């Protein structure tokens, strides 16, 4: 009995050992899988080994100067972009962005902050200022001299930044600097970033704002350019820090510490407004998106509400709605409750809602006048259509009577005057009046003769001698047409 107990205990211990062994094997397999995944992801995403630090620094420094051929390329590119914006041609704007050398000084700012290169920072900021001034002046000159000065959709799109512009600048800047640091720079990436971040159109729009005297467009476009510039430079700074680009070493330790602190302070100063800008644009975008949803859901879907227009102010937190029809106090309160309490509009709850509607009497008068005008117009169209029909009928009757009269005249030996007068006018374009008749005359009062007489009047511009020539030609033509021996031409 005791022996059986010992055997049972040994079996239990053996089972526990197997379970522990199985757990250890699972842990080893999981660890191996984790290491395999980690190795795979590291090989997939790690770009540090493919980085050429010295070549990257030199390439960025070479692109910083904004002079000579680079300056002229920039000027021509600005002209091309301005024309594209002026005629609202996206293809032309994209072409201009492909040839523009705008990225150099911006990347120089980010790099110099990352490696504590104060001299490169100075050069980058100076060239950035030159680049912006030259671009805005060129665009101003074009729009000032251009006969087409209206605001196109392409121009208007660059007057108000939104959160998507910030994201494009961030990820475009990251793509650009990663491509720059790679051995054998990826040119297609640089071209793509030049198009995506769209640095040139805001500068052209700023020049347009100055040219037409609209400071709102100028400051809006400048704001968009500053957003793109800050986040591209910031992306450059972050990537170069991650890649651990070598810091500039100064022989003077005191100067090295000073420059390091200055670069760090500058980076912080740049990041603070960048963070503020991001948050402000993000909130403004959410405000506008929720406002559109509020208008579509609560107002435009309601047939009883006829919205004429609306205005909103994100800074002042106000929304103004103007309706064509009268808005009751109950309706106003319902709209206000939806704005304040509906969880779909959290960014609108603090906004002041101003509602303005027309009074019922005015609305009814306008509606009645509109309906009367439509009825009157419809009636007038019917009357005019009836008159046109009567006129056409009268014309047909006149034509028929004329034809009958002419047939009767010809049957009685007369002249087909209708066709004769038409042919005379076609052959003699200066003829203004024409008549033809057979006249009885007597020179001795005993013998009576029948004389063919054509009476004419010519254009005022013809001289007397030319009129006589025309009359001889007309007489000859009438003899041939009517097969008569003589005809007398008289002036009316």
Protein backbone atom coordinates (compact mmCIF):
# COMPACT_ATOMS: atom_id res chain seq x y z
CA UNK A 1 0.00 0.00 0.00
CA UNK A 2 2.78 2.39 0.91
CA UNK A 3 4.59 1.42 -2.29
CA UNK A 4 1.54 2.48 -4.35
CA UNK A 5 1.46 5.83 -2.56
CA UNK A 6 5.12 6.43 -3.44
CA UNK A 7 4.45 5.53 -7.09
CA UNK A 8 1.49 7.94 -7.23
CA UNK A 9 3.64 10.75 -5.75
CA UNK A 10 6.40 10.08 -8.27
CA UNK A 11 3.87 10.28 -11.13
CA UNK A 12 2.54 13.63 -9.85
CA UNK A 13 6.07 15.00 -9.55
CA UNK A 14 6.86 13.81 -13.06
CA UNK A 15 3.73 15.56 -14.43
CA UNK A 16 4.70 18.83 -12.70
CA UNK A 17 8.20 18.63 -14.16
CA UNK A 18 6.74 18.15 -17.63
CA UNK A 19 4.44 21.16 -17.20
CA UNK A 20 7.33 23.34 -16.05
CA UNK A 21 9.44 22.10 -18.93
CA UNK A 22 6.62 22.88 -21.37
CA UNK A 23 6.28 26.42 -19.94
CA UNK A 24 10.01 27.00 -20.36
CA UNK A 25 9.84 25.82 -23.96
CA UNK A 26 6.92 28.17 -24.66
CA UNK A 27 8.82 31.08 -23.12
CA UNK A 28 11.87 30.27 -25.24
CA UNK A 29 9.72 30.08 -28.39
CA UNK A 30 7.98 33.39 -27.53
CA UNK A 31 11.33 35.02 -26.85
CA UNK A 32 12.67 33.69 -30.14
CA UNK A 33 9.58 34.98 -31.99
CA UNK A 34 9.93 38.41 -30.34
CA UNK A 35 13.61 38.54 -31.26
CA UNK A 36 12.79 37.52 -34.84
CA UNK A 37 10.07 40.18 -35.13
CA UNK A 38 12.34 42.76 -33.55
CA UNK A 39 15.14 41.90 -35.95
CA UNK A 40 12.73 42.05 -38.91
CA UNK A 41 11.26 45.41 -37.92
CA UNK A 42 14.70 46.80 -37.14
CA UNK A 43 15.94 45.79 -40.57
CA UNK A 44 12.77 47.16 -42.17
CA UNK A 45 12.64 50.58 -40.47
CA UNK A 46 16.19 51.33 -39.36
CA UNK A 47 17.80 53.80 -41.76
CA UNK A 48 20.83 54.76 -39.70
CA UNK A 49 23.21 52.40 -41.49
CA UNK A 50 22.24 53.88 -44.84
CA UNK A 51 23.08 57.42 -43.73
CA UNK A 52 25.91 59.46 -45.23
CA UNK A 53 26.39 62.20 -42.62
CA UNK A 54 29.21 64.16 -44.24
CA UNK A 55 27.61 64.14 -47.69
CA UNK A 56 24.24 65.19 -46.21
CA UNK A 57 25.74 68.17 -44.36
CA UNK A 58 27.67 69.26 -47.44
CA UNK A 59 24.64 68.85 -49.73
CA UNK A 60 22.45 70.98 -47.44
CA UNK A 61 25.16 73.66 -47.17
CA UNK A 62 25.50 73.76 -50.97
CA UNK A 63 21.75 74.44 -51.35
CA UNK A 64 21.66 77.34 -48.87
CA UNK A 65 23.04 80.26 -50.98
CA UNK A 66 20.32 82.19 -52.81
CA UNK A 67 22.35 84.03 -55.46
CA UNK A 68 23.42 83.84 -59.09
CA UNK A 69 21.71 81.13 -61.11
CA UNK A 70 19.71 79.98 -58.05
CA UNK A 71 18.18 83.45 -57.64
CA UNK A 72 17.19 83.60 -61.31
CA UNK A 73 15.69 80.11 -61.18
CA UNK A 74 13.65 81.23 -58.17
CA UNK A 75 12.43 84.38 -59.97
CA UNK A 76 11.39 82.45 -63.07
CA UNK A 77 9.70 79.77 -60.96
CA UNK A 78 7.74 82.45 -59.07
CA UNK A 79 6.56 83.95 -62.37
CA UNK A 80 5.44 80.52 -63.60
CA UNK A 81 3.65 79.77 -60.30
CA UNK A 82 1.95 83.20 -60.31
CA UNK A 83 0.66 82.61 -63.84
CA UNK A 84 -0.62 79.18 -62.80
CA UNK A 85 -2.42 80.64 -59.78
CA UNK A 86 -3.75 83.52 -61.89
CA UNK A 87 -5.38 81.21 -64.44
CA UNK A 88 -6.17 78.55 -61.79
CA UNK A 89 -4.03 75.90 -63.50
CA UNK A 90 -2.85 73.23 -61.04
CA UNK A 91 -0.50 71.66 -63.62
CA UNK A 92 1.39 74.93 -64.12
CA UNK A 93 1.71 75.48 -60.35
CA UNK A 94 3.10 71.95 -59.90
CA UNK A 95 5.62 72.56 -62.68
CA UNK A 96 6.81 75.73 -60.96
CA UNK A 97 7.22 73.92 -57.64
CA UNK A 98 9.38 71.27 -59.30
CA UNK A 99 11.96 73.85 -60.44
CA UNK A 100 11.92 76.11 -57.38
CA UNK A 101 15.00 76.10 -55.06
CA UNK A 102 13.08 76.99 -51.88
CA UNK A 103 14.07 74.10 -49.61
CA UNK A 104 17.79 74.88 -49.19
CA UNK A 105 17.75 77.65 -46.54
CA UNK A 106 14.94 75.94 -44.57
CA UNK A 107 16.86 72.67 -44.30
CA UNK A 108 19.92 74.74 -43.39
CA UNK A 109 18.12 76.22 -40.40
CA UNK A 110 17.07 72.80 -39.10
CA UNK A 111 20.51 71.27 -39.64
CA UNK A 112 22.45 74.12 -38.05
CA UNK A 113 20.28 73.91 -34.92
CA UNK A 114 20.78 70.15 -34.75
CA UNK A 115 24.60 70.29 -34.98
CA UNK A 116 25.20 73.62 -33.18
CA UNK A 117 26.56 75.31 -36.32
CA UNK A 118 25.95 78.97 -35.60
CA UNK A 119 27.65 80.20 -38.79
CA UNK A 120 25.43 78.02 -40.99
CA UNK A 121 22.40 79.19 -39.00
CA UNK A 122 23.25 82.83 -39.78
CA UNK A 123 23.74 82.05 -43.48
CA UNK A 124 20.51 80.07 -43.61
CA UNK A 125 18.41 82.79 -41.96
CA UNK A 126 19.88 85.52 -44.19
CA UNK A 127 19.29 83.49 -47.34
CA UNK A 128 15.79 82.55 -46.15
CA UNK A 129 14.99 86.24 -45.74
CA UNK A 130 16.41 87.00 -49.20
CA UNK A 131 14.42 84.12 -50.69
CA UNK A 132 11.13 85.26 -49.16
CA UNK A 133 11.66 88.93 -50.09
CA UNK A 134 12.63 88.08 -53.67
CA UNK A 135 9.68 85.71 -54.09
CA UNK A 136 7.06 88.08 -52.67
CA UNK A 137 8.42 91.05 -54.68
CA UNK A 138 8.41 89.03 -57.92
CA UNK A 139 4.83 87.87 -57.33
CA UNK A 140 3.79 91.43 -56.38
CA UNK A 141 5.31 92.75 -59.61
CA UNK A 142 3.52 90.16 -61.72
CA UNK A 143 0.07 90.67 -60.18
CA UNK A 144 0.49 94.45 -60.24
CA UNK A 145 1.16 94.43 -63.98
CA UNK A 146 -1.15 91.56 -64.91
CA UNK A 147 -4.51 92.53 -66.49
CA UNK A 148 -6.09 89.54 -64.69
CA UNK A 149 -6.39 90.43 -61.01
CA UNK A 150 -9.45 88.49 -59.84
CA UNK A 151 -9.22 86.01 -56.98
CA UNK A 152 -9.08 82.44 -58.38
CA UNK A 153 -9.79 79.22 -56.42
CA UNK A 154 -6.06 78.37 -56.49
CA UNK A 155 -5.21 81.71 -54.85
CA UNK A 156 -8.04 81.55 -52.34
CA UNK A 157 -6.96 78.06 -51.22
CA UNK A 158 -3.67 79.56 -49.94
CA UNK A 159 -5.19 82.32 -47.79
CA UNK A 160 -6.38 80.19 -44.86
CA UNK A 161 -4.29 77.32 -43.41
CA UNK A 162 -5.86 74.27 -41.78
CA UNK A 163 -4.63 71.28 -39.80
CA UNK A 164 -3.95 69.26 -42.95
CA UNK A 165 -1.36 71.86 -44.04
CA UNK A 166 0.46 71.30 -40.74
CA UNK A 167 0.47 67.53 -41.17
CA UNK A 168 1.70 67.84 -44.76
CA UNK A 169 4.55 70.10 -43.62
CA UNK A 170 5.54 67.69 -40.80
CA UNK A 171 5.49 64.44 -42.80
CA UNK A 172 6.77 66.12 -45.96
CA UNK A 173 9.71 67.55 -44.00
CA UNK A 174 10.45 64.14 -42.46
CA UNK A 175 10.38 62.46 -45.90
CA UNK A 176 12.64 65.15 -47.33
CA UNK A 177 15.38 65.00 -44.69
CA UNK A 178 15.36 61.15 -44.62
CA UNK A 179 15.79 61.18 -48.41
CA UNK A 180 18.59 63.73 -48.07
CA UNK A 181 20.48 61.64 -45.52
CA UNK A 182 20.33 58.47 -47.62
CA UNK A 183 23.36 57.46 -49.64
CA UNK A 184 22.47 58.41 -53.19
CA UNK A 185 19.74 61.01 -52.58
CA UNK A 186 16.27 59.97 -53.80
CA UNK A 187 15.47 62.78 -56.26
CA UNK A 188 11.85 61.69 -56.78
CA UNK A 189 11.19 62.08 -53.03
CA UNK A 190 12.63 65.61 -53.04
CA UNK A 191 10.46 66.55 -56.02
CA UNK A 192 7.41 65.02 -54.35
CA UNK A 193 8.02 66.93 -51.12
CA UNK A 194 8.48 70.16 -53.11
CA UNK A 195 4.98 69.64 -54.54
CA UNK A 196 3.30 68.39 -51.36
CA UNK A 197 4.55 71.06 -48.96
CA UNK A 198 3.72 73.78 -51.51
CA UNK A 199 6.06 76.50 -50.28
CA UNK A 200 5.83 78.57 -53.45
CA UNK A 201 2.04 79.18 -53.82
CA UNK A 202 1.72 80.91 -50.40
CA UNK A 203 4.54 83.31 -51.32
CA UNK A 204 2.85 84.07 -54.65
CA UNK A 205 -0.48 84.61 -52.85
CA UNK A 206 1.23 86.97 -50.38
CA UNK A 207 2.48 88.99 -53.37
CA UNK A 208 -1.05 88.97 -54.80
CA UNK A 209 -2.44 90.29 -51.51
CA UNK A 210 0.01 93.20 -51.60
CA UNK A 211 -0.72 93.89 -55.27
CA UNK A 212 -4.49 94.15 -54.77
CA UNK A 213 -4.19 95.87 -51.37
CA UNK A 214 -5.80 93.02 -49.42
CA UNK A 215 -3.77 92.53 -46.24
CA UNK A 216 -5.99 89.64 -45.11
CA UNK A 217 -4.79 87.57 -48.07
CA UNK A 218 -1.19 88.68 -47.47
CA UNK A 219 -1.11 87.72 -43.79
CA UNK A 220 -3.08 84.48 -44.36
CA UNK A 221 -0.68 83.31 -47.09
CA UNK A 222 2.37 84.41 -45.06
CA UNK A 223 1.04 82.48 -42.07
CA UNK A 224 0.71 79.34 -44.21
CA UNK A 225 4.30 79.74 -45.47
CA UNK A 226 5.60 80.22 -41.90
CA UNK A 227 3.80 77.03 -40.80
CA UNK A 228 5.40 75.03 -43.63
CA UNK A 229 8.83 76.54 -42.95
CA UNK A 230 8.78 75.93 -39.18
CA UNK A 231 7.67 72.32 -39.40
CA UNK A 232 10.04 71.41 -42.24
CA UNK A 233 12.95 72.89 -40.25
CA UNK A 234 11.71 71.16 -37.08
CA UNK A 235 11.46 67.81 -38.90
CA UNK A 236 15.03 68.27 -40.11
CA UNK A 237 16.17 69.02 -36.55
CA UNK A 238 14.47 65.93 -35.09
CA UNK A 239 15.73 63.48 -37.76
CA UNK A 240 19.33 64.70 -37.52
CA UNK A 241 19.18 64.39 -33.72
CA UNK A 242 17.82 60.83 -34.03
CA UNK A 243 20.62 59.98 -36.46
CA UNK A 244 23.13 61.53 -34.04
CA UNK A 245 24.80 63.79 -36.53
CA UNK A 246 28.16 64.97 -35.15
CA UNK A 247 28.06 68.29 -33.30
CA UNK A 248 30.37 71.07 -34.43
CA UNK A 249 33.39 71.23 -32.12
CA UNK A 250 34.93 74.58 -31.27
CA UNK A 251 38.48 75.01 -30.01
CA UNK A 252 37.30 77.50 -27.42
CA UNK A 253 35.29 75.54 -24.85
CA UNK A 254 33.61 78.69 -23.64
CA UNK A 255 32.47 79.54 -27.16
CA UNK A 256 31.32 75.92 -27.68
CA UNK A 257 29.11 76.05 -24.56
CA UNK A 258 27.73 79.44 -25.58
CA UNK A 259 26.84 78.26 -29.10
CA UNK A 260 25.37 75.02 -27.77
CA UNK A 261 23.12 76.93 -25.38
CA UNK A 262 22.20 79.43 -28.10
CA UNK A 263 21.27 76.65 -30.53
CA UNK A 264 19.24 74.85 -27.85
CA UNK A 265 17.46 78.08 -26.92
CA UNK A 266 16.72 78.83 -30.59
CA UNK A 267 15.32 75.33 -31.06
CA UNK A 268 13.07 75.76 -28.02
CA UNK A 269 11.96 79.20 -29.21
CA UNK A 270 11.06 77.68 -32.59
CA UNK A 271 9.23 74.73 -31.04
CA UNK A 272 7.06 76.84 -28.72
CA UNK A 273 5.29 78.84 -31.50
CA UNK A 274 5.22 75.68 -33.63
CA UNK A 275 3.34 73.83 -30.89
CA UNK A 276 1.06 76.82 -30.36
CA UNK A 277 0.42 77.08 -34.12
CA UNK A 278 -0.36 73.39 -34.39
CA UNK A 279 -2.83 73.54 -31.50
CA UNK A 280 -4.49 76.72 -32.79
CA UNK A 281 -4.90 75.44 -36.34
CA UNK A 282 -6.10 72.07 -35.03
CA UNK A 283 -8.83 73.70 -32.89
CA UNK A 284 -9.86 76.09 -35.67
CA UNK A 285 -10.20 73.19 -38.09
CA UNK A 286 -12.36 71.25 -35.62
CA UNK A 287 -14.48 74.40 -35.06
CA UNK A 288 -15.11 74.80 -38.81
CA UNK A 289 -15.83 71.09 -39.33
CA UNK A 290 -18.38 71.02 -36.50
CA UNK A 291 -19.96 74.27 -37.71
CA UNK A 292 -20.49 72.76 -41.18
CA UNK A 293 -22.02 69.66 -39.58
CA UNK A 294 -24.29 71.83 -37.41
CA UNK A 295 -25.53 73.80 -40.44
CA UNK A 296 -26.14 70.67 -42.52
CA UNK A 297 -27.80 68.65 -39.74
CA UNK A 298 -29.80 71.23 -37.82
CA UNK A 299 -30.63 73.88 -40.42
CA UNK A 300 -30.26 72.89 -44.08
CA UNK A 301 -32.10 69.60 -43.54
CA UNK A 302 -35.07 71.52 -42.07
CA UNK A 303 -37.40 72.82 -44.83
CA UNK A 304 -38.95 75.34 -42.41
CA UNK A 305 -35.60 77.17 -42.08
CA UNK A 306 -34.35 79.18 -45.04
CA UNK A 307 -30.73 80.17 -44.39
CA UNK A 308 -29.52 83.08 -46.50
CA UNK A 309 -25.92 83.24 -45.26
CA UNK A 310 -23.77 82.79 -42.19
CA UNK A 311 -20.58 84.17 -40.69
CA UNK A 312 -18.27 82.75 -38.03
CA UNK A 313 -15.35 84.04 -35.99
CA UNK A 314 -13.15 81.41 -34.36
CA UNK A 315 -11.12 83.99 -32.42
CA UNK A 316 -14.19 85.78 -31.10
CA UNK A 317 -16.14 82.51 -30.66
CA UNK A 318 -19.24 83.77 -32.45
CA UNK A 319 -21.60 82.41 -35.09
CA UNK A 320 -24.08 84.62 -36.98
CA UNK A 321 -26.97 83.11 -38.94
CA UNK A 322 -29.15 85.17 -41.30
CA UNK A 323 -32.48 83.65 -42.35
CA UNK A 324 -34.84 84.65 -45.13
CA UNK A 325 -37.93 83.75 -43.12
CA UNK A 326 -39.06 84.71 -39.61
CA UNK A 327 -37.46 82.71 -36.76
CA UNK A 328 -39.54 82.29 -33.63
CA UNK A 329 -38.09 82.49 -30.13
CA UNK A 330 -38.77 78.76 -29.65
CA UNK A 331 -36.78 77.90 -32.78
CA UNK A 332 -33.93 80.15 -31.66
CA UNK A 333 -33.87 78.41 -28.30
CA UNK A 334 -33.88 74.96 -29.94
CA UNK A 335 -30.91 75.88 -32.13
CA UNK A 336 -29.07 77.31 -29.13
CA UNK A 337 -29.74 74.16 -27.10
CA UNK A 338 -28.41 71.96 -29.90
CA UNK A 339 -25.29 74.11 -30.14
CA UNK A 340 -24.63 74.10 -26.39
CA UNK A 341 -25.73 70.63 -25.33
CA UNK A 342 -25.31 68.30 -28.30
CA UNK A 343 -22.18 66.13 -27.79
CA UNK A 344 -21.59 66.24 -31.56
CA UNK A 345 -20.48 69.88 -31.28
CA UNK A 346 -18.07 70.13 -28.31
CA UNK A 347 -16.04 72.92 -29.93
CA UNK A 348 -19.13 75.08 -30.54
CA UNK A 349 -20.63 75.07 -27.05
CA UNK A 350 -18.77 78.24 -25.99
CA UNK A 351 -19.67 80.15 -29.15
CA UNK A 352 -22.15 83.03 -29.05
CA UNK A 353 -25.03 82.33 -31.45
CA UNK A 354 -26.61 85.34 -33.20
CA UNK A 355 -29.76 84.67 -35.21
CA UNK A 356 -31.40 87.21 -37.50
CA UNK A 357 -34.61 86.49 -39.42
CA UNK A 358 -37.03 88.50 -41.55
CA UNK A 359 -40.43 89.34 -40.08
CA UNK A 360 -43.46 87.39 -41.34
CA UNK A 361 -45.10 90.37 -43.03
CA UNK A 362 -42.01 91.18 -45.08
CA UNK A 363 -41.57 87.55 -46.01
CA UNK A 364 -45.20 87.22 -47.12
CA UNK A 365 -45.02 90.45 -49.11
CA UNK A 366 -41.85 89.37 -50.87
CA UNK A 367 -43.23 85.90 -51.52
CA UNK A 368 -46.51 87.35 -52.81
CA UNK A 369 -44.71 89.84 -55.05
CA UNK A 370 -42.52 87.05 -56.36
CA UNK A 371 -45.51 84.87 -57.20
CA UNK A 372 -47.34 87.81 -58.84
CA UNK A 373 -44.27 88.60 -60.89
CA UNK A 374 -44.02 84.97 -62.02
CA UNK A 375 -47.72 84.90 -63.00
CA UNK A 376 -47.41 88.23 -64.82
CA UNK A 377 -44.32 87.05 -66.65
CA UNK A 378 -46.06 83.84 -67.64
CA UNK A 379 -49.10 85.81 -68.88
CA UNK A 380 -46.86 88.22 -70.80
CA UNK A 381 -45.07 85.32 -72.46
CA UNK A 382 -48.42 83.88 -73.54
CA UNK A 383 -49.53 87.26 -74.98
CA UNK A 384 -46.20 87.72 -76.80
CA UNK A 385 -46.40 84.18 -78.17
CA UNK A 386 -49.96 84.92 -79.45
CA UNK A 387 -48.82 88.17 -81.10
CA UNK A 388 -45.90 86.41 -82.77
CA UNK A 389 -48.31 83.84 -84.15
CA UNK A 390 -50.65 86.56 -85.50
CA UNK A 391 -47.73 88.43 -87.08
CA UNK A 392 -46.55 85.26 -88.83
CA UNK A 393 -50.08 84.62 -90.09
CA UNK A 394 -50.33 88.21 -91.42
CA UNK A 395 -46.95 87.86 -93.12
CA UNK A 396 -48.12 84.70 -94.84
CA UNK A 397 -51.35 86.42 -95.95
CA UNK A 398 -49.37 89.39 -97.34
CA UNK A 399 -47.06 87.03 -99.22
CA UNK A 400 -50.05 85.14 -100.66
CA UNK A 401 -51.84 88.38 -101.68
CA UNK A 402 -48.66 89.72 -103.24
CA UNK A 403 -48.23 86.53 -105.23
CA UNK A 404 -51.87 86.63 -106.37
CA UNK A 405 -51.57 90.31 -107.37
CA UNK A 406 -48.38 89.66 -109.28
CA UNK A 407 -49.85 86.66 -111.09
CA UNK A 408 -52.87 88.76 -112.08
CA UNK A 409 -50.59 91.56 -113.23
CA UNK A 410 -48.48 89.19 -115.34
CA UNK A 411 -51.57 87.57 -116.86
CA UNK A 412 -52.74 91.02 -117.93
CA UNK A 413 -49.39 91.74 -119.60
CA UNK A 414 -47.81 93.49 -116.65
CA UNK A 415 -44.33 93.11 -115.14
CA UNK A 416 -43.45 90.60 -112.35
CA UNK A 417 -42.40 93.47 -110.12
CA UNK A 418 -41.70 91.47 -106.92
CA UNK A 419 -38.99 89.30 -108.47
CA UNK A 420 -37.77 92.22 -110.60
CA UNK A 421 -37.17 94.47 -107.56
CA UNK A 422 -35.40 91.69 -105.64
CA UNK A 423 -33.08 90.96 -108.58
CA UNK A 424 -32.39 94.67 -109.04
CA UNK A 425 -31.35 95.04 -105.39
CA UNK A 426 -29.11 91.97 -105.60
CA UNK A 427 -27.38 93.25 -108.74
CA UNK A 428 -27.14 96.89 -107.66
CA UNK A 429 -26.33 97.01 -103.95
CA UNK A 430 -26.36 100.84 -103.81
CA UNK A 431 -30.00 100.93 -104.89
CA UNK A 432 -32.19 102.40 -102.14
CA UNK A 433 -35.53 102.87 -104.00
CA UNK A 434 -36.95 101.26 -107.15
CA UNK A 435 -40.25 101.47 -109.03
CA UNK A 436 -41.29 100.47 -112.54
CA UNK A 437 -44.35 101.42 -114.57
CA UNK A 438 -45.67 101.72 -118.13
CA UNK A 439 -46.63 105.37 -118.64
CA UNK A 440 -48.81 106.79 -121.41
CA UNK A 441 -47.49 110.03 -122.90
CA UNK A 442 -48.27 112.37 -125.83
CA UNK A 443 -45.84 114.88 -127.21
CA UNK A 444 -48.17 116.45 -129.85
CA UNK A 445 -51.43 115.68 -128.05
CA UNK A 446 -52.62 113.59 -130.94
CA UNK A 447 -50.43 110.49 -130.84
CA UNK A 448 -50.19 108.45 -127.61
CA UNK A 449 -47.11 106.35 -126.79
CA UNK A 450 -46.42 103.80 -124.01
CA UNK A 451 -43.13 104.50 -122.20
CA UNK A 452 -41.31 102.20 -119.72
CA UNK A 453 -40.20 104.31 -116.73
CA UNK A 454 -38.02 103.15 -113.80
CA UNK A 455 -37.70 105.50 -110.85
CA UNK A 456 -34.65 105.02 -108.59
CA UNK A 457 -32.81 106.46 -105.60
CA UNK A 458 -29.17 105.69 -104.78
CA UNK A 459 -27.07 105.68 -101.60
CA UNK A 460 -26.00 109.13 -100.42
CA UNK A 461 -22.32 108.28 -100.74
CA UNK A 462 -22.42 107.95 -104.55
CA UNK A 463 -21.29 110.92 -106.62
CA UNK A 464 -23.42 112.19 -109.50
CA UNK A 465 -21.11 110.73 -112.13
CA UNK A 466 -21.19 107.26 -110.54
CA UNK A 467 -24.99 107.44 -110.27
CA UNK A 468 -25.20 108.11 -114.01
CA UNK A 469 -23.00 105.06 -114.71
CA UNK A 470 -25.21 102.91 -112.46
CA UNK A 471 -28.36 104.18 -114.22
CA UNK A 472 -26.94 103.23 -117.65
CA UNK A 473 -26.11 99.74 -116.33
CA UNK A 474 -29.58 99.45 -114.79
CA UNK A 475 -31.26 100.48 -118.04
CA UNK A 476 -29.29 97.89 -120.02
CA UNK A 477 -30.15 95.19 -117.48
CA UNK A 478 -33.90 96.07 -117.50
CA UNK A 479 -34.05 95.83 -121.31
CA UNK A 480 -32.56 92.34 -121.14
CA UNK A 481 -34.71 91.19 -118.23
CA UNK A 482 -38.03 92.50 -119.59
CA UNK A 483 -37.16 92.12 -123.28
CA UNK A 484 -38.07 95.69 -124.06
CA UNK A 485 -36.47 98.11 -126.51
CA UNK A 486 -36.38 101.24 -124.37
CA UNK A 487 -36.60 102.32 -120.79
CA UNK A 488 -36.36 105.71 -119.10
CA UNK A 489 -34.49 106.01 -115.80
CA UNK A 490 -35.58 108.81 -113.45
CA UNK A 491 -34.28 109.76 -110.02
CA UNK A 492 -36.70 109.99 -107.15
